[in-house]
Amino acid sequence: VDEQTTRLTGTTGNPYWYAEQLAALPAPFRVEGG
């Protein structure tokens, strides 16, 4: 998005698994879609 921000776009069949993967990130995040 800029030098300090990244957008991740994808799809999943398992939102719980996806949320777990996001929780393990070493940075703050915001779910803007889905």
Full PDB file with SEQRES, HELIX, SHEET, SSBOND, CRYST1, ORIGX, SCALE, CONECT and MASTER records, all heavy atoms in Angstrom:
SEQRES   1 A   34  VAL ASP GLU GLN THR THR ARG LEU THR GLY THR THR GLY          
SEQRES   2 A   34  ASN PRO TYR TRP TYR ALA GLU GLN LEU ALA ALA LEU PRO          
SEQRES   3 A   34  ALA PRO PHE ARG VAL GLU GLY GLY                              
HELIX    1 AA1 PRO A   15  ALA A   23  1                                   9    
CRYST1    1.000    1.000    1.000  90.00  90.00  90.00 P 1           1          
ORIGX1      1.000000  0.000000  0.000000        0.00000                         
ORIGX2      0.000000  1.000000  0.000000        0.00000                         
ORIGX3      0.000000  0.000000  1.000000        0.00000                         
SCALE1      1.000000  0.000000  0.000000        0.00000                         
SCALE2      0.000000  1.000000  0.000000        0.00000                         
SCALE3      0.000000  0.000000  1.000000        0.00000                         
ATOM      1  N   VAL A   1       0.863  -1.182   0.000  1.00  0.00           N  
ATOM      2  CA  VAL A   1       0.000   0.000   0.000  1.00  0.00           C  
ATOM      3  C   VAL A   1       0.897   1.229   0.000  1.00  0.00           C  
ATOM      4  O   VAL A   1       0.680   2.180  -0.733  1.00  0.00           O  
ATOM      5  CB  VAL A   1      -0.938  -0.002   1.226  1.00  0.00           C  
ATOM      6  CG1 VAL A   1      -1.722   1.292   1.323  1.00  0.00           C  
ATOM      7  CG2 VAL A   1      -1.864  -1.204   1.189  1.00  0.00           C  
ATOM      8  N   ASP A   2       1.924   1.174   0.851  1.00  0.00           N  
ATOM      9  CA  ASP A   2       2.975   2.185   0.909  1.00  0.00           C  
ATOM     10  C   ASP A   2       4.200   1.499   1.499  1.00  0.00           C  
ATOM     11  O   ASP A   2       4.229   0.271   1.600  1.00  0.00           O  
ATOM     12  CB  ASP A   2       2.543   3.428   1.693  1.00  0.00           C  
ATOM     13  CG  ASP A   2       2.081   3.111   3.110  1.00  0.00           C  
ATOM     14  OD1 ASP A   2       2.687   2.218   3.762  1.00  0.00           O  
ATOM     15  OD2 ASP A   2       1.136   3.756   3.588  1.00  0.00           O  
ATOM     16  N   GLU A   3       5.194   2.242   1.922  1.00  0.00           N  
ATOM     17  CA  GLU A   3       6.443   1.633   2.402  1.00  0.00           C  
ATOM     18  C   GLU A   3       6.277   0.853   3.702  1.00  0.00           C  
ATOM     19  O   GLU A   3       7.085  -0.021   4.000  1.00  0.00           O  
ATOM     20  CB  GLU A   3       7.513   2.712   2.580  1.00  0.00           C  
ATOM     21  CG  GLU A   3       7.996   3.285   1.277  1.00  0.00           C  
ATOM     22  CD  GLU A   3       9.089   4.324   1.481  1.00  0.00           C  
ATOM     23  OE1 GLU A   3       9.577   4.476   2.623  1.00  0.00           O  
ATOM     24  OE2 GLU A   3       9.452   4.976   0.496  1.00  0.00           O  
ATOM     25  N   GLN A   4       5.235   1.153   4.477  1.00  0.00           N  
ATOM     26  CA  GLN A   4       5.054   0.519   5.792  1.00  0.00           C  
ATOM     27  C   GLN A   4       3.780  -0.303   5.929  1.00  0.00           C  
ATOM     28  O   GLN A   4       3.504  -0.824   7.009  1.00  0.00           O  
ATOM     29  CB  GLN A   4       5.077   1.597   6.885  1.00  0.00           C  
ATOM     30  CG  GLN A   4       6.385   2.343   6.970  1.00  0.00           C  
ATOM     31  CD  GLN A   4       7.554   1.415   7.277  1.00  0.00           C  
ATOM     32  OE1 GLN A   4       7.463   0.547   8.136  1.00  0.00           O  
ATOM     33  NE2 GLN A   4       8.657   1.582   6.562  1.00  0.00           N  
ATOM     34  N   THR A   5       3.020  -0.418   4.852  1.00  0.00           N  
ATOM     35  CA  THR A   5       1.718  -1.078   4.926  1.00  0.00           C  
ATOM     36  C   THR A   5       1.537  -2.009   3.741  1.00  0.00           C  
ATOM     37  O   THR A   5       1.906  -1.676   2.621  1.00  0.00           O  
ATOM     38  CB  THR A   5       0.589  -0.033   4.920  1.00  0.00           C  
ATOM     39  OG1 THR A   5       0.893   0.976   5.883  1.00  0.00           O  
ATOM     40  CG2 THR A   5      -0.751  -0.653   5.252  1.00  0.00           C  
ATOM     41  N   THR A   6       0.941  -3.184   4.011  1.00  0.00           N  
ATOM     42  CA  THR A   6       0.728  -4.192   2.977  1.00  0.00           C  
ATOM     43  C   THR A   6      -0.716  -4.662   2.999  1.00  0.00           C  
ATOM     44  O   THR A   6      -1.306  -4.834   4.065  1.00  0.00           O  
ATOM     45  CB  THR A   6       1.658  -5.405   3.213  1.00  0.00           C  
ATOM     46  OG1 THR A   6       3.008  -4.948   3.259  1.00  0.00           O  
ATOM     47  CG2 THR A   6       1.525  -6.444   2.122  1.00  0.00           C  
ATOM     48  N   ARG A   7      -1.277  -4.881   1.811  1.00  0.00           N  
ATOM     49  CA  ARG A   7      -2.625  -5.429   1.686  1.00  0.00           C  
ATOM     50  C   ARG A   7      -2.516  -6.900   1.302  1.00  0.00           C  
ATOM     51  O   ARG A   7      -1.763  -7.272   0.406  1.00  0.00           O  
ATOM     52  CB  ARG A   7      -3.419  -4.683   0.615  1.00  0.00           C  
ATOM     53  CG  ARG A   7      -4.853  -5.191   0.461  1.00  0.00           C  
ATOM     54  CD  ARG A   7      -5.638  -4.376  -0.565  1.00  0.00           C  
ATOM     55  NE  ARG A   7      -5.476  -2.951  -0.409  1.00  0.00           N  
ATOM     56  CZ  ARG A   7      -6.100  -2.187   0.497  1.00  0.00           C  
ATOM     57  NH1 ARG A   7      -6.937  -2.737   1.337  1.00  0.00           N  
ATOM     58  NH2 ARG A   7      -5.893  -0.889   0.556  1.00  0.00           N  
ATOM     59  N   LEU A   8      -3.287  -7.733   1.996  1.00  0.00           N  
ATOM     60  CA  LEU A   8      -3.388  -9.160   1.714  1.00  0.00           C  
ATOM     61  C   LEU A   8      -4.799  -9.428   1.221  1.00  0.00           C  
ATOM     62  O   LEU A   8      -5.771  -9.076   1.898  1.00  0.00           O  
ATOM     63  CB  LEU A   8      -3.115  -9.965   2.995  1.00  0.00           C  
ATOM     64  CG  LEU A   8      -3.489 -11.441   2.987  1.00  0.00           C  
ATOM     65  CD1 LEU A   8      -2.648 -12.220   1.986  1.00  0.00           C  
ATOM     66  CD2 LEU A   8      -3.343 -12.023   4.394  1.00  0.00           C  
ATOM     67  N   THR A   9      -4.920 -10.003   0.045  1.00  0.00           N  
ATOM     68  CA  THR A   9      -6.234 -10.387  -0.473  1.00  0.00           C  
ATOM     69  C   THR A   9      -6.211 -11.870  -0.805  1.00  0.00           C  
ATOM     70  O   THR A   9      -5.234 -12.377  -1.369  1.00  0.00           O  
ATOM     71  CB  THR A   9      -6.627  -9.582  -1.727  1.00  0.00           C  
ATOM     72  OG1 THR A   9      -5.600  -9.712  -2.703  1.00  0.00           O  
ATOM     73  CG2 THR A   9      -6.825  -8.118  -1.405  1.00  0.00           C  
ATOM     74  N   GLY A  10      -7.280 -12.536  -0.435  1.00  0.00           N  
ATOM     75  CA  GLY A  10      -7.358 -13.965  -0.702  1.00  0.00           C  
ATOM     76  C   GLY A  10      -8.761 -14.474  -0.457  1.00  0.00           C  
ATOM     77  O   GLY A  10      -9.709 -13.697  -0.296  1.00  0.00           O  
ATOM     78  N   THR A  11      -8.873 -15.776  -0.411  1.00  0.00           N  
ATOM     79  CA  THR A  11     -10.126 -16.439  -0.088  1.00  0.00           C  
ATOM     80  C   THR A  11      -9.812 -17.623   0.814  1.00  0.00           C  
ATOM     81  O   THR A  11      -8.665 -18.074   0.885  1.00  0.00           O  
ATOM     82  CB  THR A  11     -10.851 -16.944  -1.359  1.00  0.00           C  
ATOM     83  OG1 THR A  11     -10.024 -17.909  -2.016  1.00  0.00           O  
ATOM     84  CG2 THR A  11     -11.182 -15.800  -2.312  1.00  0.00           C  
ATOM     85  N   THR A  12     -10.842 -18.118   1.483  1.00  0.00           N  
ATOM     86  CA  THR A  12     -10.657 -19.280   2.344  1.00  0.00           C  
ATOM     87  C   THR A  12     -11.957 -20.069   2.439  1.00  0.00           C  
ATOM     88  O   THR A  12     -13.040 -19.503   2.298  1.00  0.00           O  
ATOM     89  CB  THR A  12     -10.184 -18.877   3.757  1.00  0.00           C  
ATOM     90  OG1 THR A  12      -9.878 -20.057   4.503  1.00  0.00           O  
ATOM     91  CG2 THR A  12     -11.220 -18.062   4.505  1.00  0.00           C  
ATOM     92  N   GLY A  13     -11.829 -21.322   2.697  1.00  0.00           N  
ATOM     93  CA  GLY A  13     -12.971 -22.160   3.015  1.00  0.00           C  
ATOM     94  C   GLY A  13     -13.112 -22.329   4.511  1.00  0.00           C  
ATOM     95  O   GLY A  13     -14.083 -22.901   4.995  1.00  0.00           O  
ATOM     96  N   ASN A  14     -12.116 -21.815   5.265  1.00  0.00           N  
ATOM     97  CA  ASN A  14     -12.082 -21.988   6.713  1.00  0.00           C  
ATOM     98  C   ASN A  14     -11.650 -20.676   7.369  1.00  0.00           C  
ATOM     99  O   ASN A  14     -10.455 -20.464   7.624  1.00  0.00           O  
ATOM    100  CB  ASN A  14     -11.117 -23.128   7.062  1.00  0.00           C  
ATOM    101  CG  ASN A  14     -11.109 -23.461   8.528  1.00  0.00           C  
ATOM    102  OD1 ASN A  14     -11.557 -22.686   9.366  1.00  0.00           O  
ATOM    103  ND2 ASN A  14     -10.577 -24.620   8.845  1.00  0.00           N  
ATOM    104  N   PRO A  15     -12.591 -19.788   7.669  1.00  0.00           N  
ATOM    105  CA  PRO A  15     -12.235 -18.508   8.274  1.00  0.00           C  
ATOM    106  C   PRO A  15     -11.504 -18.645   9.611  1.00  0.00           C  
ATOM    107  O   PRO A  15     -10.684 -17.801   9.952  1.00  0.00           O  
ATOM    108  CB  PRO A  15     -13.581 -17.793   8.461  1.00  0.00           C  
ATOM    109  CG  PRO A  15     -14.492 -18.441   7.477  1.00  0.00           C  
ATOM    110  CD  PRO A  15     -14.025 -19.863   7.367  1.00  0.00           C  
ATOM    111  N   TYR A  16     -11.782 -19.702  10.365  1.00  0.00           N  
ATOM    112  CA  TYR A  16     -11.097 -19.888  11.641  1.00  0.00           C  
ATOM    113  C   TYR A  16      -9.600 -20.113  11.423  1.00  0.00           C  
ATOM    114  O   TYR A  16      -8.766 -19.499  12.077  1.00  0.00           O  
ATOM    115  CB  TYR A  16     -11.715 -21.053  12.428  1.00  0.00           C  
ATOM    116  CG  TYR A  16     -11.121 -21.179  13.803  1.00  0.00           C  
ATOM    117  CD1 TYR A  16     -11.578 -20.386  14.846  1.00  0.00           C  
ATOM    118  CD2 TYR A  16     -10.081 -22.054  14.058  1.00  0.00           C  
ATOM    119  CE1 TYR A  16     -11.018 -20.463  16.106  1.00  0.00           C  
ATOM    120  CE2 TYR A  16      -9.514 -22.150  15.323  1.00  0.00           C  
ATOM    121  CZ  TYR A  16      -9.984 -21.355  16.335  1.00  0.00           C  
ATOM    122  OH  TYR A  16      -9.419 -21.428  17.578  1.00  0.00           O  
ATOM    123  N   TRP A  17      -9.260 -20.985  10.481  1.00  0.00           N  
ATOM    124  CA  TRP A  17      -7.849 -21.231  10.168  1.00  0.00           C  
ATOM    125  C   TRP A  17      -7.180 -19.939   9.702  1.00  0.00           C  
ATOM    126  O   TRP A  17      -6.072 -19.611  10.122  1.00  0.00           O  
ATOM    127  CB  TRP A  17      -7.713 -22.312   9.093  1.00  0.00           C  
ATOM    128  CG  TRP A  17      -6.312 -22.501   8.624  1.00  0.00           C  
ATOM    129  CD1 TRP A  17      -5.339 -23.265   9.200  1.00  0.00           C  
ATOM    130  CD2 TRP A  17      -5.695 -21.889   7.480  1.00  0.00           C  
ATOM    131  NE1 TRP A  17      -4.172 -23.167   8.490  1.00  0.00           N  
ATOM    132  CE2 TRP A  17      -4.363 -22.328   7.426  1.00  0.00           C  
ATOM    133  CE3 TRP A  17      -6.148 -21.011   6.495  1.00  0.00           C  
ATOM    134  CZ2 TRP A  17      -3.481 -21.921   6.430  1.00  0.00           C  
ATOM    135  CZ3 TRP A  17      -5.268 -20.610   5.507  1.00  0.00           C  
ATOM    136  CH2 TRP A  17      -3.953 -21.059   5.487  1.00  0.00           C  
ATOM    137  N   TYR A  18      -7.856 -19.193   8.862  1.00  0.00           N  
ATOM    138  CA  TYR A  18      -7.308 -17.946   8.336  1.00  0.00           C  
ATOM    139  C   TYR A  18      -7.058 -16.964   9.480  1.00  0.00           C  
ATOM    140  O   TYR A  18      -6.005 -16.321   9.557  1.00  0.00           O  
ATOM    141  CB  TYR A  18      -8.276 -17.356   7.311  1.00  0.00           C  
ATOM    142  CG  TYR A  18      -7.646 -16.494   6.255  1.00  0.00           C  
ATOM    143  CD1 TYR A  18      -7.332 -17.014   5.007  1.00  0.00           C  
ATOM    144  CD2 TYR A  18      -7.385 -15.149   6.484  1.00  0.00           C  
ATOM    145  CE1 TYR A  18      -6.774 -16.208   4.010  1.00  0.00           C  
ATOM    146  CE2 TYR A  18      -6.826 -14.345   5.505  1.00  0.00           C  
ATOM    147  CZ  TYR A  18      -6.527 -14.886   4.275  1.00  0.00           C  
ATOM    148  OH  TYR A  18      -5.968 -14.088   3.297  1.00  0.00           O  
ATOM    149  N   ALA A  19      -8.016 -16.841  10.406  1.00  0.00           N  
ATOM    150  CA  ALA A  19      -7.866 -15.944  11.551  1.00  0.00           C  
ATOM    151  C   ALA A  19      -6.688 -16.368  12.425  1.00  0.00           C  
ATOM    152  O   ALA A  19      -5.945 -15.511  12.924  1.00  0.00           O  
ATOM    153  CB  ALA A  19      -9.155 -15.923  12.368  1.00  0.00           C  
ATOM    154  N   GLU A  20      -6.492 -17.663  12.604  1.00  0.00           N  
ATOM    155  CA  GLU A  20      -5.343 -18.149  13.376  1.00  0.00           C  
ATOM    156  C   GLU A  20      -4.028 -17.731  12.732  1.00  0.00           C  
ATOM    157  O   GLU A  20      -3.083 -17.350  13.419  1.00  0.00           O  
ATOM    158  CB  GLU A  20      -5.379 -19.668  13.494  1.00  0.00           C  
ATOM    159  CG  GLU A  20      -6.432 -20.201  14.425  1.00  0.00           C  
ATOM    160  CD  GLU A  20      -6.456 -21.715  14.433  1.00  0.00           C  
ATOM    161  OE1 GLU A  20      -6.230 -22.345  13.367  1.00  0.00           O  
ATOM    162  OE2 GLU A  20      -6.692 -22.277  15.515  1.00  0.00           O  
ATOM    163  N   GLN A  21      -3.961 -17.820  11.411  1.00  0.00           N  
ATOM    164  CA  GLN A  21      -2.744 -17.427  10.697  1.00  0.00           C  
ATOM    165  C   GLN A  21      -2.477 -15.938  10.886  1.00  0.00           C  
ATOM    166  O   GLN A  21      -1.337 -15.519  11.096  1.00  0.00           O  
ATOM    167  CB  GLN A  21      -2.849 -17.756   9.202  1.00  0.00           C  
ATOM    168  CG  GLN A  21      -3.137 -19.208   8.885  1.00  0.00           C  
ATOM    169  CD  GLN A  21      -2.150 -20.143   9.529  1.00  0.00           C  
ATOM    170  OE1 GLN A  21      -0.953 -20.051   9.304  1.00  0.00           O  
ATOM    171  NE2 GLN A  21      -2.651 -21.063  10.331  1.00  0.00           N  
ATOM    172  N   LEU A  22      -3.532 -15.133  10.836  1.00  0.00           N  
ATOM    173  CA  LEU A  22      -3.371 -13.693  11.036  1.00  0.00           C  
ATOM    174  C   LEU A  22      -2.934 -13.374  12.460  1.00  0.00           C  
ATOM    175  O   LEU A  22      -2.109 -12.485  12.679  1.00  0.00           O  
ATOM    176  CB  LEU A  22      -4.682 -12.969  10.718  1.00  0.00           C  
ATOM    177  CG  LEU A  22      -5.139 -13.008   9.265  1.00  0.00           C  
ATOM    178  CD1 LEU A  22      -6.527 -12.401   9.144  1.00  0.00           C  
ATOM    179  CD2 LEU A  22      -4.150 -12.319   8.348  1.00  0.00           C  
ATOM    180  N   ALA A  23      -3.471 -14.094  13.426  1.00  0.00           N  
ATOM    181  CA  ALA A  23      -3.123 -13.846  14.829  1.00  0.00           C  
ATOM    182  C   ALA A  23      -1.643 -14.084  15.095  1.00  0.00           C  
ATOM    183  O   ALA A  23      -1.073 -13.499  16.012  1.00  0.00           O  
ATOM    184  CB  ALA A  23      -3.973 -14.729  15.740  1.00  0.00           C  
ATOM    185  N   ALA A  24      -1.015 -14.914  14.295  1.00  0.00           N  
ATOM    186  CA  ALA A  24       0.406 -15.215  14.474  1.00  0.00           C  
ATOM    187  C   ALA A  24       1.318 -14.166  13.838  1.00  0.00           C  
ATOM    188  O   ALA A  24       2.540 -14.225  14.018  1.00  0.00           O  
ATOM    189  CB  ALA A  24       0.716 -16.593  13.891  1.00  0.00           C  
ATOM    190  N   LEU A  25       0.754 -13.215  13.122  1.00  0.00           N  
ATOM    191  CA  LEU A  25       1.583 -12.187  12.484  1.00  0.00           C  
ATOM    192  C   LEU A  25       2.283 -11.325  13.524  1.00  0.00           C  
ATOM    193  O   LEU A  25       1.685 -10.975  14.552  1.00  0.00           O  
ATOM    194  CB  LEU A  25       0.731 -11.286  11.592  1.00  0.00           C  
ATOM    195  CG  LEU A  25       0.188 -11.896  10.320  1.00  0.00           C  
ATOM    196  CD1 LEU A  25      -0.710 -10.884   9.598  1.00  0.00           C  
ATOM    197  CD2 LEU A  25       1.317 -12.349   9.420  1.00  0.00           C  
ATOM    198  N   PRO A  26       3.518 -10.917  13.248  1.00  0.00           N  
ATOM    199  CA  PRO A  26       4.249 -10.050  14.188  1.00  0.00           C  
ATOM    200  C   PRO A  26       3.977  -8.560  13.952  1.00  0.00           C  
ATOM    201  O   PRO A  26       4.849  -7.726  14.159  1.00  0.00           O  
ATOM    202  CB  PRO A  26       5.710 -10.407  13.886  1.00  0.00           C  
ATOM    203  CG  PRO A  26       5.714 -10.714  12.429  1.00  0.00           C  
ATOM    204  CD  PRO A  26       4.391 -11.394  12.165  1.00  0.00           C  
ATOM    205  N   ALA A  27       2.758  -8.237  13.516  1.00  0.00           N  
ATOM    206  CA  ALA A  27       2.416  -6.840  13.227  1.00  0.00           C  
ATOM    207  C   ALA A  27       0.907  -6.649  13.384  1.00  0.00           C  
ATOM    208  O   ALA A  27       0.135  -7.596  13.200  1.00  0.00           O  
ATOM    209  CB  ALA A  27       2.840  -6.484  11.798  1.00  0.00           C  
ATOM    210  N   PRO A  28       0.471  -5.434  13.703  1.00  0.00           N  
ATOM    211  CA  PRO A  28      -0.962  -5.155  13.770  1.00  0.00           C  
ATOM    212  C   PRO A  28      -1.609  -5.294  12.387  1.00  0.00           C  
ATOM    213  O   PRO A  28      -0.961  -5.051  11.360  1.00  0.00           O  
ATOM    214  CB  PRO A  28      -1.027  -3.696  14.229  1.00  0.00           C  
ATOM    215  CG  PRO A  28       0.323  -3.382  14.774  1.00  0.00           C  
ATOM    216  CD  PRO A  28       1.285  -4.275  14.069  1.00  0.00           C  
ATOM    217  N   PHE A  29      -2.876  -5.660  12.392  1.00  0.00           N  
ATOM    218  CA  PHE A  29      -3.607  -5.799  11.127  1.00  0.00           C  
ATOM    219  C   PHE A  29      -5.070  -5.426  11.325  1.00  0.00           C  
ATOM    220  O   PHE A  29      -5.567  -5.390  12.450  1.00  0.00           O  
ATOM    221  CB  PHE A  29      -3.488  -7.224  10.571  1.00  0.00           C  
ATOM    222  CG  PHE A  29      -4.130  -8.276  11.418  1.00  0.00           C  
ATOM    223  CD1 PHE A  29      -5.458  -8.623  11.238  1.00  0.00           C  
ATOM    224  CD2 PHE A  29      -3.417  -8.917  12.415  1.00  0.00           C  
ATOM    225  CE1 PHE A  29      -6.063  -9.590  12.020  1.00  0.00           C  
ATOM    226  CE2 PHE A  29      -3.998  -9.884  13.212  1.00  0.00           C  
ATOM    227  CZ  PHE A  29      -5.330 -10.217  13.010  1.00  0.00           C  
ATOM    228  N   ARG A  30      -5.747  -5.145  10.216  1.00  0.00           N  
ATOM    229  CA  ARG A  30      -7.176  -4.840  10.204  1.00  0.00           C  
ATOM    230  C   ARG A  30      -7.836  -5.643   9.096  1.00  0.00           C  
ATOM    231  O   ARG A  30      -7.368  -5.624   7.955  1.00  0.00           O  
ATOM    232  CB  ARG A  30      -7.412  -3.351   9.939  1.00  0.00           C  
ATOM    233  CG  ARG A  30      -6.934  -2.450  11.036  1.00  0.00           C  
ATOM    234  CD  ARG A  30      -6.951  -0.987  10.646  1.00  0.00           C  
ATOM    235  NE  ARG A  30      -6.168  -0.636   9.457  1.00  0.00           N  
ATOM    236  CZ  ARG A  30      -4.831  -0.623   9.388  1.00  0.00           C  
ATOM    237  NH1 ARG A  30      -4.116  -0.996  10.426  1.00  0.00           N  
ATOM    238  NH2 ARG A  30      -4.211  -0.259   8.297  1.00  0.00           N  
ATOM    239  N   VAL A  31      -8.920  -6.315   9.425  1.00  0.00           N  
ATOM    240  CA  VAL A  31      -9.680  -7.040   8.416  1.00  0.00           C  
ATOM    241  C   VAL A  31     -10.650  -6.041   7.801  1.00  0.00           C  
ATOM    242  O   VAL A  31     -11.582  -5.586   8.454  1.00  0.00           O  
ATOM    243  CB  VAL A  31     -10.432  -8.244   9.017  1.00  0.00           C  
ATOM    244  CG1 VAL A  31     -11.233  -8.957   7.936  1.00  0.00           C  
ATOM    245  CG2 VAL A  31      -9.448  -9.199   9.683  1.00  0.00           C  
ATOM    246  N   GLU A  32     -10.430  -5.709   6.542  1.00  0.00           N  
ATOM    247  CA  GLU A  32     -11.251  -4.703   5.873  1.00  0.00           C  
ATOM    248  C   GLU A  32     -12.300  -5.302   4.956  1.00  0.00           C  
ATOM    249  O   GLU A  32     -13.179  -4.598   4.493  1.00  0.00           O  
ATOM    250  CB  GLU A  32     -10.355  -3.736   5.101  1.00  0.00           C  
ATOM    251  CG  GLU A  32      -9.499  -2.906   6.033  1.00  0.00           C  
ATOM    252  CD  GLU A  32      -8.809  -1.756   5.328  1.00  0.00           C  
ATOM    253  OE1 GLU A  32      -8.718  -1.764   4.086  1.00  0.00           O  
ATOM    254  OE2 GLU A  32      -8.347  -0.850   6.040  1.00  0.00           O  
ATOM    255  N   GLY A  33     -12.205  -6.584   4.685  1.00  0.00           N  
ATOM    256  CA  GLY A  33     -13.183  -7.224   3.819  1.00  0.00           C  
ATOM    257  C   GLY A  33     -13.337  -8.690   4.158  1.00  0.00           C  
ATOM    258  O   GLY A  33     -12.380  -9.345   4.567  1.00  0.00           O  
ATOM    259  N   GLY A  34     -14.557  -9.163   3.989  1.00  0.00           N  
ATOM    260  CA  GLY A  34     -14.873 -10.548   4.303  1.00  0.00           C  
ATOM    261  C   GLY A  34     -15.592 -10.633   5.636  1.00  0.00           C  
ATOM    262  O   GLY A  34     -14.964 -10.723   6.687  1.00  0.00           O  
TER     263      GLY A  34                                                      
MASTER        0    0    0    1    0    0    0    6  262    1    0    3          
END                                                                             
